[in-house]
Amino acid sequence: MTDQNDKFEIKNKSEIEIPKSEIKMKIYTKTGDQGLTSLIGGTRVAKHHIRIESYGTVDELNSYVGLIGDQEIATHDKEILKQVQDRLFTIGSSLASDPERSKMVIPDLHLADIELLEQEMDNMNTNLPELRHFILPGGNNTISYCHIARCVCRRAERITVHLAEESTVDEKVVIYLNRLSDYLFTLARKIASDNKIPENQWIPRI
């Protein structure tokens, strides 16, 4: 969800009741050429606005999650990552909305989405060795992609927390991003275990 909102401004539901066969979305609109973009609701803001930074970072995260899902990993993990991508798009839609003006109905994030990540982590940890050291990123490409996604997720969380200090943000969004970074860390460990790759432990030089 980078600048997709440049393409239209929605004031009420009647504006989006258009037959699908008649919808033609243009890739370029030129409405962002002056460094501004539209939130859902029509508010124009600078592209460096913290709300844009928040959902832009979530979009970046979603791309990395897709990259992980394209690797040779367990089918179940691919299915969970697909759900994560859907939830991240939901989060992006929420963050892209002006809480004061948007009348558009967007998908909700549920507590069950957070609980799913927690359940997945609990299941993975059952078969993983006890964590006794910090883990350095690396091992193979897929493991490294998980760690990159984890770092981007942490950045998305930090920016969203900052946004929440200035504007309305669904608290479940922050919680979900927090759990997701932990899930990606645990997934990296699982992938190492599945492939019998030793964990890259950090042994501090003393």
N, C-alpha and C. Protein backbone atom coordinates (compact mmCIF):
# COMPACT_ATOMS: atom_id res chain seq x y z
N MET A 1 0.84 -1.19 0.00
CA MET A 1 0.00 0.00 0.00
C MET A 1 0.87 1.24 0.00
N THR A 2 1.56 1.50 -1.07
CA THR A 2 2.44 2.66 -1.12
C THR A 2 1.61 3.90 -1.36
N ASP A 3 1.32 4.20 -2.62
CA ASP A 3 0.55 5.39 -2.92
C ASP A 3 -0.72 5.03 -3.68
N GLN A 4 -1.29 3.88 -3.37
CA GLN A 4 -2.47 3.45 -4.07
C GLN A 4 -3.64 4.39 -3.81
N ASN A 5 -3.60 5.14 -2.70
CA ASN A 5 -4.69 6.04 -2.39
C ASN A 5 -4.65 7.32 -3.22
N ASP A 6 -3.56 7.54 -3.98
CA ASP A 6 -3.53 8.65 -4.91
C ASP A 6 -4.61 8.49 -5.98
N LYS A 7 -5.06 7.27 -6.19
CA LYS A 7 -5.90 6.97 -7.33
C LYS A 7 -7.36 7.37 -7.13
N PHE A 8 -7.81 7.47 -5.87
CA PHE A 8 -9.21 7.82 -5.67
C PHE A 8 -9.39 8.36 -4.26
N GLU A 9 -10.46 9.15 -4.10
CA GLU A 9 -10.86 9.65 -2.80
C GLU A 9 -12.29 9.18 -2.55
N ILE A 10 -12.53 8.56 -1.41
CA ILE A 10 -13.83 7.98 -1.12
C ILE A 10 -14.51 8.77 -0.02
N LYS A 11 -15.71 9.29 -0.30
CA LYS A 11 -16.45 10.07 0.69
C LYS A 11 -17.58 9.26 1.31
N ASN A 12 -18.17 8.34 0.55
CA ASN A 12 -19.22 7.50 1.10
C ASN A 12 -19.28 6.21 0.29
N LYS A 13 -20.02 5.23 0.80
CA LYS A 13 -20.04 3.91 0.19
C LYS A 13 -20.62 3.93 -1.22
N SER A 14 -21.52 4.88 -1.49
CA SER A 14 -22.15 4.91 -2.80
C SER A 14 -21.14 5.13 -3.91
N GLU A 15 -20.01 5.78 -3.57
CA GLU A 15 -19.02 6.08 -4.58
C GLU A 15 -18.27 4.83 -5.04
N ILE A 16 -18.33 3.75 -4.27
CA ILE A 16 -17.59 2.56 -4.67
C ILE A 16 -18.50 1.46 -5.19
N GLU A 17 -19.80 1.74 -5.31
CA GLU A 17 -20.73 0.76 -5.83
C GLU A 17 -20.75 0.86 -7.35
N ILE A 18 -19.67 0.40 -7.97
CA ILE A 18 -19.48 0.45 -9.42
C ILE A 18 -19.33 -0.98 -9.91
N PRO A 19 -20.03 -1.34 -11.00
CA PRO A 19 -19.86 -2.71 -11.53
C PRO A 19 -18.40 -3.00 -11.79
N LYS A 20 -17.95 -4.19 -11.38
CA LYS A 20 -16.54 -4.54 -11.51
C LYS A 20 -16.06 -4.43 -12.95
N SER A 21 -16.95 -4.72 -13.90
CA SER A 21 -16.54 -4.68 -15.30
C SER A 21 -16.20 -3.28 -15.77
N GLU A 22 -16.65 -2.26 -15.02
CA GLU A 22 -16.42 -0.88 -15.43
C GLU A 22 -15.24 -0.23 -14.70
N ILE A 23 -14.65 -0.93 -13.74
CA ILE A 23 -13.55 -0.38 -12.96
C ILE A 23 -12.25 -0.56 -13.73
N LYS A 24 -11.60 0.55 -14.02
CA LYS A 24 -10.30 0.51 -14.67
C LYS A 24 -9.36 1.42 -13.89
N MET A 25 -8.46 0.83 -13.12
CA MET A 25 -7.56 1.61 -12.29
C MET A 25 -6.26 1.88 -13.03
N LYS A 26 -5.94 3.13 -13.17
CA LYS A 26 -4.72 3.52 -13.85
C LYS A 26 -3.54 3.43 -12.88
N ILE A 27 -2.40 2.95 -13.38
CA ILE A 27 -1.24 2.79 -12.52
C ILE A 27 -0.66 4.14 -12.14
N TYR A 28 -0.55 5.04 -13.10
CA TYR A 28 -0.04 6.38 -12.79
C TYR A 28 -1.17 7.40 -12.90
N THR A 29 -1.19 8.35 -11.96
CA THR A 29 -2.27 9.34 -11.92
C THR A 29 -1.75 10.78 -11.95
N LYS A 30 -0.47 10.96 -11.61
CA LYS A 30 0.17 12.28 -11.57
C LYS A 30 -0.31 13.13 -10.39
N THR A 31 -1.20 12.57 -9.55
CA THR A 31 -1.71 13.36 -8.43
C THR A 31 -0.70 13.46 -7.28
N GLY A 32 0.36 12.65 -7.35
CA GLY A 32 1.36 12.69 -6.29
C GLY A 32 2.64 13.39 -6.71
N ASP A 33 2.60 14.07 -7.85
CA ASP A 33 3.83 14.67 -8.39
C ASP A 33 4.38 15.81 -7.55
N GLN A 34 3.55 16.39 -6.70
CA GLN A 34 3.98 17.50 -5.85
C GLN A 34 4.36 17.04 -4.45
N GLY A 35 4.52 15.72 -4.28
CA GLY A 35 4.95 15.21 -2.98
C GLY A 35 3.82 15.00 -1.99
N LEU A 36 2.58 15.00 -2.46
CA LEU A 36 1.43 14.77 -1.60
C LEU A 36 0.71 13.50 -2.02
N THR A 37 -0.01 12.91 -1.08
CA THR A 37 -0.82 11.73 -1.39
C THR A 37 -2.09 11.81 -0.56
N SER A 38 -3.07 10.97 -0.89
CA SER A 38 -4.37 11.00 -0.21
C SER A 38 -4.50 9.82 0.74
N LEU A 39 -4.99 10.13 1.94
CA LEU A 39 -5.40 9.07 2.86
C LEU A 39 -6.79 8.61 2.46
N ILE A 40 -7.20 7.43 2.92
CA ILE A 40 -8.59 7.02 2.73
C ILE A 40 -9.46 7.99 3.53
N GLY A 41 -10.33 8.67 2.85
CA GLY A 41 -11.12 9.73 3.46
C GLY A 41 -10.89 11.04 2.73
N GLY A 42 -9.80 11.10 1.94
CA GLY A 42 -9.58 12.26 1.09
C GLY A 42 -8.55 13.25 1.57
N THR A 43 -8.11 13.14 2.82
CA THR A 43 -7.14 14.09 3.35
C THR A 43 -5.82 13.99 2.59
N ARG A 44 -5.30 15.13 2.15
CA ARG A 44 -4.02 15.18 1.45
C ARG A 44 -2.91 15.46 2.45
N VAL A 45 -1.88 14.65 2.41
CA VAL A 45 -0.75 14.82 3.33
C VAL A 45 0.56 14.64 2.56
N ALA A 46 1.64 15.12 3.15
CA ALA A 46 2.96 14.94 2.55
C ALA A 46 3.33 13.46 2.57
N LYS A 47 4.09 13.05 1.56
CA LYS A 47 4.46 11.64 1.47
C LYS A 47 5.43 11.20 2.57
N HIS A 48 6.00 12.16 3.28
CA HIS A 48 6.85 11.81 4.41
C HIS A 48 6.08 11.84 5.73
N HIS A 49 4.76 12.07 5.66
CA HIS A 49 3.92 12.08 6.86
C HIS A 49 4.07 10.75 7.60
N ILE A 50 4.03 10.79 8.90
CA ILE A 50 4.26 9.58 9.69
C ILE A 50 3.22 8.49 9.40
N ARG A 51 2.00 8.87 9.03
CA ARG A 51 1.00 7.86 8.69
C ARG A 51 1.39 7.15 7.39
N ILE A 52 1.97 7.90 6.46
CA ILE A 52 2.44 7.28 5.22
C ILE A 52 3.64 6.38 5.51
N GLU A 53 4.52 6.85 6.39
CA GLU A 53 5.67 6.03 6.79
C GLU A 53 5.21 4.72 7.42
N SER A 54 4.15 4.80 8.20
CA SER A 54 3.68 3.59 8.91
C SER A 54 3.16 2.56 7.92
N TYR A 55 2.23 2.93 7.05
CA TYR A 55 1.69 1.89 6.17
C TYR A 55 2.64 1.57 5.02
N GLY A 56 3.53 2.50 4.68
CA GLY A 56 4.55 2.18 3.69
C GLY A 56 5.52 1.14 4.22
N THR A 57 5.85 1.21 5.50
CA THR A 57 6.75 0.23 6.09
C THR A 57 6.07 -1.12 6.22
N VAL A 58 4.77 -1.11 6.51
CA VAL A 58 4.01 -2.36 6.55
C VAL A 58 3.98 -2.99 5.16
N ASP A 59 3.88 -2.17 4.13
CA ASP A 59 3.91 -2.68 2.75
C ASP A 59 5.27 -3.30 2.44
N GLU A 60 6.33 -2.65 2.89
CA GLU A 60 7.68 -3.20 2.72
C GLU A 60 7.79 -4.55 3.42
N LEU A 61 7.27 -4.62 4.63
CA LEU A 61 7.27 -5.87 5.39
C LEU A 61 6.52 -6.96 4.64
N ASN A 62 5.37 -6.61 4.08
CA ASN A 62 4.56 -7.58 3.35
C ASN A 62 5.33 -8.18 2.18
N SER A 63 6.15 -7.35 1.53
CA SER A 63 6.95 -7.83 0.41
C SER A 63 7.97 -8.88 0.86
N TYR A 64 8.60 -8.64 2.00
CA TYR A 64 9.56 -9.60 2.53
C TYR A 64 8.88 -10.89 2.99
N VAL A 65 7.68 -10.76 3.56
CA VAL A 65 6.94 -11.95 3.96
C VAL A 65 6.62 -12.80 2.72
N GLY A 66 6.25 -12.13 1.62
CA GLY A 66 6.01 -12.84 0.38
C GLY A 66 7.26 -13.54 -0.12
N LEU A 67 8.41 -12.89 0.06
CA LEU A 67 9.68 -13.49 -0.35
C LEU A 67 9.96 -14.76 0.44
N ILE A 68 9.71 -14.73 1.73
CA ILE A 68 9.90 -15.92 2.55
C ILE A 68 8.98 -17.05 2.07
N GLY A 69 7.73 -16.69 1.80
CA GLY A 69 6.76 -17.69 1.36
C GLY A 69 7.11 -18.32 0.02
N ASP A 70 7.94 -17.65 -0.77
CA ASP A 70 8.36 -18.19 -2.07
C ASP A 70 9.52 -19.18 -1.96
N GLN A 71 10.05 -19.34 -0.77
CA GLN A 71 11.19 -20.24 -0.58
C GLN A 71 10.70 -21.67 -0.35
N GLU A 72 11.66 -22.59 -0.31
CA GLU A 72 11.33 -24.00 -0.07
C GLU A 72 11.17 -24.23 1.43
N ILE A 73 9.97 -23.96 1.92
CA ILE A 73 9.67 -24.15 3.34
C ILE A 73 8.42 -25.04 3.45
N ALA A 74 8.09 -25.43 4.67
CA ALA A 74 6.96 -26.33 4.89
C ALA A 74 5.66 -25.71 4.38
N THR A 75 4.79 -26.55 3.83
CA THR A 75 3.51 -26.08 3.28
C THR A 75 2.70 -25.33 4.34
N HIS A 76 2.70 -25.85 5.56
CA HIS A 76 1.94 -25.19 6.63
C HIS A 76 2.46 -23.78 6.87
N ASP A 77 3.77 -23.62 6.87
CA ASP A 77 4.35 -22.29 7.08
C ASP A 77 3.99 -21.35 5.94
N LYS A 78 3.96 -21.86 4.73
CA LYS A 78 3.53 -21.04 3.58
C LYS A 78 2.10 -20.56 3.77
N GLU A 79 1.24 -21.45 4.26
CA GLU A 79 -0.17 -21.10 4.46
C GLU A 79 -0.32 -20.02 5.54
N ILE A 80 0.45 -20.14 6.61
CA ILE A 80 0.40 -19.13 7.67
C ILE A 80 0.90 -17.79 7.14
N LEU A 81 1.98 -17.81 6.38
CA LEU A 81 2.52 -16.56 5.83
C LEU A 81 1.54 -15.90 4.88
N LYS A 82 0.76 -16.70 4.16
CA LYS A 82 -0.27 -16.14 3.29
C LYS A 82 -1.32 -15.41 4.11
N GLN A 83 -1.69 -15.98 5.24
CA GLN A 83 -2.63 -15.31 6.14
C GLN A 83 -2.01 -14.04 6.70
N VAL A 84 -0.73 -14.09 7.03
CA VAL A 84 -0.04 -12.91 7.54
C VAL A 84 -0.08 -11.79 6.51
N GLN A 85 0.15 -12.13 5.25
CA GLN A 85 0.12 -11.11 4.21
C GLN A 85 -1.25 -10.45 4.12
N ASP A 86 -2.30 -11.25 4.25
CA ASP A 86 -3.65 -10.71 4.24
C ASP A 86 -3.86 -9.76 5.42
N ARG A 87 -3.41 -10.18 6.61
CA ARG A 87 -3.56 -9.32 7.79
C ARG A 87 -2.75 -8.03 7.66
N LEU A 88 -1.58 -8.12 7.04
CA LEU A 88 -0.76 -6.92 6.86
C LEU A 88 -1.44 -5.94 5.91
N PHE A 89 -2.15 -6.46 4.92
CA PHE A 89 -2.88 -5.56 4.02
C PHE A 89 -4.03 -4.91 4.77
N THR A 90 -4.66 -5.67 5.67
CA THR A 90 -5.70 -5.10 6.53
C THR A 90 -5.13 -3.98 7.39
N ILE A 91 -3.96 -4.24 7.98
CA ILE A 91 -3.30 -3.23 8.81
C ILE A 91 -2.96 -2.00 7.98
N GLY A 92 -2.44 -2.23 6.77
CA GLY A 92 -2.12 -1.11 5.90
C GLY A 92 -3.33 -0.25 5.59
N SER A 93 -4.47 -0.90 5.35
CA SER A 93 -5.71 -0.17 5.08
C SER A 93 -6.13 0.67 6.28
N SER A 94 -5.99 0.09 7.46
CA SER A 94 -6.34 0.81 8.68
C SER A 94 -5.44 2.03 8.88
N LEU A 95 -4.13 1.84 8.69
CA LEU A 95 -3.19 2.93 8.88
C LEU A 95 -3.33 4.00 7.81
N ALA A 96 -3.82 3.61 6.63
CA ALA A 96 -3.98 4.56 5.52
C ALA A 96 -5.25 5.38 5.63
N SER A 97 -6.07 5.11 6.62
CA SER A 97 -7.35 5.81 6.77
C SER A 97 -7.21 7.01 7.70
N ASP A 98 -7.84 8.10 7.31
CA ASP A 98 -7.92 9.27 8.18
C ASP A 98 -9.01 8.99 9.20
N PRO A 99 -8.67 8.83 10.47
CA PRO A 99 -9.68 8.46 11.47
C PRO A 99 -10.76 9.52 11.66
N GLU A 100 -10.49 10.75 11.24
CA GLU A 100 -11.45 11.83 11.41
C GLU A 100 -12.42 11.94 10.23
N ARG A 101 -12.02 11.42 9.05
CA ARG A 101 -12.82 11.67 7.85
C ARG A 101 -13.28 10.44 7.10
N SER A 102 -12.57 9.33 7.25
CA SER A 102 -12.88 8.16 6.43
C SER A 102 -14.22 7.54 6.82
N LYS A 103 -15.06 7.31 5.83
CA LYS A 103 -16.33 6.61 6.02
C LYS A 103 -16.29 5.23 5.38
N MET A 104 -15.17 4.88 4.80
CA MET A 104 -15.05 3.61 4.09
C MET A 104 -14.97 2.45 5.08
N VAL A 105 -15.72 1.40 4.79
CA VAL A 105 -15.67 0.19 5.61
C VAL A 105 -14.48 -0.64 5.18
N ILE A 106 -13.56 -0.90 6.09
CA ILE A 106 -12.37 -1.69 5.78
C ILE A 106 -12.33 -2.93 6.67
N PRO A 107 -11.59 -3.97 6.28
CA PRO A 107 -11.53 -5.19 7.09
C PRO A 107 -10.97 -4.89 8.49
N ASP A 108 -11.39 -5.69 9.44
CA ASP A 108 -10.94 -5.54 10.82
C ASP A 108 -9.84 -6.55 11.15
N LEU A 109 -8.98 -6.17 12.07
CA LEU A 109 -8.02 -7.09 12.66
C LEU A 109 -8.66 -7.66 13.92
N HIS A 110 -8.55 -8.96 14.11
CA HIS A 110 -9.21 -9.61 15.25
C HIS A 110 -8.18 -10.12 16.25
N LEU A 111 -8.62 -10.29 17.48
CA LEU A 111 -7.74 -10.86 18.50
C LEU A 111 -7.31 -12.27 18.10
N ALA A 112 -8.16 -12.97 17.36
CA ALA A 112 -7.83 -14.32 16.91
C ALA A 112 -6.61 -14.32 15.99
N ASP A 113 -6.39 -13.21 15.29
CA ASP A 113 -5.22 -13.12 14.41
C ASP A 113 -3.94 -13.08 15.24
N ILE A 114 -3.99 -12.39 16.37
CA ILE A 114 -2.85 -12.33 17.28
C ILE A 114 -2.64 -13.70 17.94
N GLU A 115 -3.74 -14.30 18.35
CA GLU A 115 -3.66 -15.60 19.01
C GLU A 115 -3.10 -16.67 18.07
N LEU A 116 -3.38 -16.55 16.79
CA LEU A 116 -2.83 -17.52 15.82
C LEU A 116 -1.31 -17.47 15.81
N LEU A 117 -0.74 -16.27 15.82
CA LEU A 117 0.72 -16.15 15.85
C LEU A 117 1.29 -16.74 17.13
N GLU A 118 0.63 -16.49 18.23
CA GLU A 118 1.10 -17.04 19.51
C GLU A 118 1.03 -18.56 19.50
N GLN A 119 -0.04 -19.10 18.95
CA GLN A 119 -0.18 -20.56 18.87
C GLN A 119 0.89 -21.15 17.97
N GLU A 120 1.16 -20.51 16.86
CA GLU A 120 2.19 -21.00 15.94
C GLU A 120 3.55 -21.00 16.62
N MET A 121 3.85 -19.95 17.37
CA MET A 121 5.14 -19.89 18.08
C MET A 121 5.24 -20.99 19.12
N ASP A 122 4.15 -21.21 19.86
CA ASP A 122 4.15 -22.27 20.88
C ASP A 122 4.39 -23.63 20.23
N ASN A 123 3.74 -23.86 19.09
CA ASN A 123 3.91 -25.14 18.39
C ASN A 123 5.34 -25.33 17.89
N MET A 124 5.91 -24.27 17.32
CA MET A 124 7.28 -24.37 16.80
C MET A 124 8.28 -24.58 17.93
N ASN A 125 8.07 -23.88 19.03
CA ASN A 125 9.02 -23.96 20.14
C ASN A 125 9.05 -25.34 20.79
N THR A 126 7.97 -26.09 20.62
CA THR A 126 7.92 -27.44 21.18
C THR A 126 9.06 -28.31 20.66
N ASN A 127 9.44 -28.08 19.41
CA ASN A 127 10.46 -28.92 18.78
C ASN A 127 11.80 -28.21 18.61
N LEU A 128 11.96 -27.06 19.23
CA LEU A 128 13.21 -26.31 19.11
C LEU A 128 14.02 -26.41 20.39
N PRO A 129 15.33 -26.37 20.29
CA PRO A 129 16.15 -26.39 21.50
C PRO A 129 15.95 -25.12 22.32
N GLU A 130 16.17 -25.24 23.61
CA GLU A 130 16.03 -24.07 24.49
C GLU A 130 16.97 -22.96 24.03
N LEU A 131 16.46 -21.75 24.05
CA LEU A 131 17.25 -20.61 23.60
C LEU A 131 18.16 -20.15 24.73
N ARG A 132 19.48 -20.31 24.55
CA ARG A 132 20.44 -19.97 25.59
C ARG A 132 21.39 -18.84 25.16
N HIS A 133 21.36 -18.47 23.88
CA HIS A 133 22.24 -17.42 23.36
C HIS A 133 21.44 -16.52 22.43
N PHE A 134 21.94 -15.32 22.21
CA PHE A 134 21.40 -14.50 21.13
C PHE A 134 21.77 -15.16 19.81
N ILE A 135 20.89 -15.01 18.83
CA ILE A 135 21.10 -15.63 17.53
C ILE A 135 21.46 -14.54 16.51
N LEU A 136 22.56 -14.74 15.81
CA LEU A 136 22.95 -13.82 14.74
C LEU A 136 22.21 -14.22 13.45
N PRO A 137 21.78 -13.24 12.65
CA PRO A 137 21.15 -13.57 11.38
C PRO A 137 22.09 -14.36 10.48
N GLY A 138 21.54 -15.30 9.73
CA GLY A 138 22.35 -16.09 8.80
C GLY A 138 22.08 -17.57 8.95
N GLY A 139 22.67 -18.34 8.06
CA GLY A 139 22.49 -19.79 8.04
C GLY A 139 22.21 -20.24 6.63
N ASN A 140 21.19 -19.65 6.04
CA ASN A 140 20.94 -19.77 4.60
C ASN A 140 20.08 -18.57 4.19
N ASN A 141 19.75 -18.47 2.92
CA ASN A 141 19.02 -17.30 2.44
C ASN A 141 17.66 -17.14 3.12
N THR A 142 16.94 -18.25 3.26
CA THR A 142 15.59 -18.17 3.83
C THR A 142 15.63 -17.69 5.27
N ILE A 143 16.57 -18.22 6.05
CA ILE A 143 16.72 -17.78 7.43
C ILE A 143 17.03 -16.29 7.49
N SER A 144 17.91 -15.85 6.61
CA SER A 144 18.27 -14.42 6.58
C SER A 144 17.08 -13.56 6.17
N TYR A 145 16.25 -14.06 5.23
CA TYR A 145 15.06 -13.31 4.84
C TYR A 145 14.12 -13.14 6.04
N CYS A 146 14.01 -14.18 6.85
CA CYS A 146 13.17 -14.09 8.06
C CYS A 146 13.68 -12.99 8.99
N HIS A 147 15.00 -12.91 9.14
CA HIS A 147 15.56 -11.90 10.03
C HIS A 147 15.41 -10.49 9.45
N ILE A 148 15.54 -10.37 8.14
CA ILE A 148 15.31 -9.05 7.52
C ILE A 148 13.86 -8.63 7.75
N ALA A 149 12.92 -9.56 7.51
CA ALA A 149 11.51 -9.26 7.74
C ALA A 149 11.25 -8.90 9.20
N ARG A 150 11.92 -9.62 10.10
CA ARG A 150 11.76 -9.33 11.54
C ARG A 150 12.19 -7.89 11.84
N CYS A 151 13.30 -7.46 11.27
CA CYS A 151 13.80 -6.10 11.52
C CYS A 151 12.87 -5.05 10.93
N VAL A 152 12.36 -5.32 9.73
CA VAL A 152 11.40 -4.39 9.12
C VAL A 152 10.13 -4.33 9.95
N CYS A 153 9.72 -5.48 10.49
CA CYS A 153 8.53 -5.53 11.33
C CYS A 153 8.72 -4.69 12.59
N ARG A 154 9.90 -4.77 13.20
CA ARG A 154 10.19 -3.96 14.38
C ARG A 154 10.14 -2.47 14.04
N ARG A 155 10.64 -2.13 12.85
CA ARG A 155 10.61 -0.73 12.43
C ARG A 155 9.17 -0.27 12.21
N ALA A 156 8.36 -1.12 11.59
CA ALA A 156 6.94 -0.80 11.40
C ALA A 156 6.25 -0.59 12.75
N GLU A 157 6.61 -1.43 13.71
CA GLU A 157 6.03 -1.30 15.05
C GLU A 157 6.43 0.03 15.68
N ARG A 158 7.71 0.40 15.59
CA ARG A 158 8.17 1.65 16.19
C ARG A 158 7.47 2.85 15.58
N ILE A 159 7.35 2.85 14.24
CA ILE A 159 6.70 3.97 13.57
C ILE A 159 5.23 4.04 13.94
N THR A 160 4.58 2.89 14.04
CA THR A 160 3.16 2.85 14.38
C THR A 160 2.92 3.31 15.82
N VAL A 161 3.81 2.95 16.72
CA VAL A 161 3.71 3.43 18.10
C VAL A 161 3.85 4.95 18.14
N HIS A 162 4.77 5.47 17.35
CA HIS A 162 4.93 6.93 17.24
C HIS A 162 3.64 7.56 16.72
N LEU A 163 3.08 6.98 15.67
CA LEU A 163 1.82 7.49 15.11
C LEU A 163 0.72 7.48 16.16
N ALA A 164 0.67 6.42 16.96
CA ALA A 164 -0.38 6.28 17.98
C ALA A 164 -0.29 7.38 19.04
N GLU A 165 0.88 7.99 19.20
CA GLU A 165 1.03 9.10 20.13
C GLU A 165 0.43 10.39 19.59
N GLU A 166 0.21 10.43 18.27
CA GLU A 166 -0.29 11.64 17.64
C GLU A 166 -1.70 11.50 17.07
N SER A 167 -2.13 10.25 16.83
CA SER A 167 -3.41 10.03 16.17
C SER A 167 -4.01 8.71 16.65
N THR A 168 -5.19 8.41 16.15
CA THR A 168 -5.88 7.19 16.54
C THR A 168 -5.34 5.99 15.76
N VAL A 169 -4.95 4.96 16.50
CA VAL A 169 -4.48 3.71 15.90
C VAL A 169 -5.10 2.56 16.69
N ASP A 170 -5.67 1.61 16.01
CA ASP A 170 -6.21 0.42 16.66
C ASP A 170 -5.09 -0.26 17.44
N GLU A 171 -5.27 -0.45 18.75
CA GLU A 171 -4.21 -1.03 19.57
C GLU A 171 -3.84 -2.45 19.13
N LYS A 172 -4.77 -3.13 18.48
CA LYS A 172 -4.47 -4.49 18.01
C LYS A 172 -3.41 -4.48 16.92
N VAL A 173 -3.30 -3.37 16.20
CA VAL A 173 -2.29 -3.25 15.15
C VAL A 173 -0.89 -3.33 15.76
N VAL A 174 -0.67 -2.57 16.81
CA VAL A 174 0.63 -2.56 17.47
C VAL A 174 0.95 -3.93 18.06
N ILE A 175 -0.05 -4.54 18.69
CA ILE A 175 0.16 -5.86 19.29
C ILE A 175 0.48 -6.89 18.22
N TYR A 176 -0.24 -6.84 17.10
CA TYR A 176 0.00 -7.80 16.02
C TYR A 176 1.41 -7.67 15.48
N LEU A 177 1.87 -6.44 15.24
CA LEU A 177 3.22 -6.24 14.73
C LEU A 177 4.27 -6.74 15.72
N ASN A 178 3.99 -6.55 17.00
CA ASN A 178 4.91 -7.03 18.03
C ASN A 178 5.01 -8.56 18.01
N ARG A 179 3.86 -9.22 17.93
CA ARG A 179 3.86 -10.69 17.89
C ARG A 179 4.47 -11.20 16.58
N LEU A 180 4.22 -10.48 15.49
CA LEU A 180 4.72 -10.95 14.20
C LEU A 180 6.24 -10.96 14.16
N SER A 181 6.87 -9.97 14.76
CA SER A 181 8.34 -9.96 14.78
C SER A 181 8.87 -11.16 15.55
N ASP A 182 8.20 -11.51 16.65
CA ASP A 182 8.60 -12.70 17.41
C ASP A 182 8.35 -13.97 16.59
N TYR A 183 7.23 -14.00 15.87
CA TYR A 183 6.92 -15.15 15.02
C TYR A 183 8.00 -15.34 13.95
N LEU A 184 8.43 -14.26 13.33
CA LEU A 184 9.44 -14.36 12.28
C LEU A 184 10.78 -14.84 12.83
N PHE A 185 11.11 -14.42 14.05
CA PHE A 185 12.32 -14.91 14.70
C PHE A 185 12.21 -16.42 14.94
N THR A 186 11.06 -16.84 15.45
CA THR A 186 10.86 -18.25 15.73
C THR A 186 10.84 -19.07 14.44
N LEU A 187 10.25 -18.51 13.39
CA LEU A 187 10.22 -19.20 12.11
C LEU A 187 11.64 -19.39 11.57
N ALA A 188 12.49 -18.39 11.75
CA ALA A 188 13.89 -18.51 11.32
C ALA A 188 14.55 -19.69 12.04
N ARG A 189 14.30 -19.82 13.33
CA ARG A 189 14.87 -20.93 14.09
C ARG A 189 14.31 -22.27 13.60
N LYS A 190 13.01 -22.32 13.30
CA LYS A 190 12.39 -23.56 12.82
C LYS A 190 12.99 -23.98 11.48
N ILE A 191 13.17 -23.01 10.59
CA ILE A 191 13.72 -23.32 9.28
C ILE A 191 15.15 -23.86 9.41
N ALA A 192 15.91 -23.28 10.34
CA ALA A 192 17.26 -23.80 10.59
C ALA A 192 17.18 -25.24 11.09
N SER A 193 16.26 -25.50 11.99
CA SER A 193 16.10 -26.85 12.54
C SER A 193 15.65 -27.83 11.47
N ASP A 194 14.67 -27.42 10.65
CA ASP A 194 14.15 -28.30 9.59
C ASP A 194 15.25 -28.70 8.62
N ASN A 195 16.20 -27.79 8.39
CA ASN A 195 17.26 -28.04 7.42
C ASN A 195 18.57 -28.49 8.08
N LYS A 196 18.49 -28.77 9.40
CA LYS A 196 19.66 -29.23 10.15
C LYS A 196 20.85 -28.26 10.01
N ILE A 197 20.52 -26.97 10.08
CA ILE A 197 21.54 -25.92 10.01
C ILE A 197 21.81 -25.43 11.43
N PRO A 198 23.05 -25.49 11.89
CA PRO A 198 23.36 -25.00 13.25
C PRO A 198 23.02 -23.53 13.39
N GLU A 199 22.46 -23.17 14.54
CA GLU A 199 22.12 -21.76 14.77
C GLU A 199 23.40 -20.93 14.91
N ASN A 200 23.34 -19.76 14.37
CA ASN A 200 24.48 -18.84 14.37
C ASN A 200 24.50 -18.07 15.69
N GLN A 201 24.99 -18.70 16.73
CA GLN A 201 24.93 -18.12 18.07
C GLN A 201 25.97 -17.01 18.25
N TRP A 202 25.56 -15.99 18.98
CA TRP A 202 26.49 -14.93 19.33
C TRP A 202 27.17 -15.27 20.65
N ILE A 203 28.47 -15.48 20.58
CA ILE A 203 29.26 -15.74 21.79
C ILE A 203 30.09 -14.48 22.02
N PRO A 204 29.72 -13.68 23.00
CA PRO A 204 30.42 -12.39 23.19
C PRO A 204 31.90 -12.58 23.50
N ARG A 205 32.69 -11.72 22.90
CA ARG A 205 34.15 -11.74 23.16
C ARG A 205 34.42 -11.01 24.45
N ILE A 206 34.95 -11.71 25.40
CA ILE A 206 35.24 -11.12 26.72
C ILE A 206 36.71 -11.28 27.04
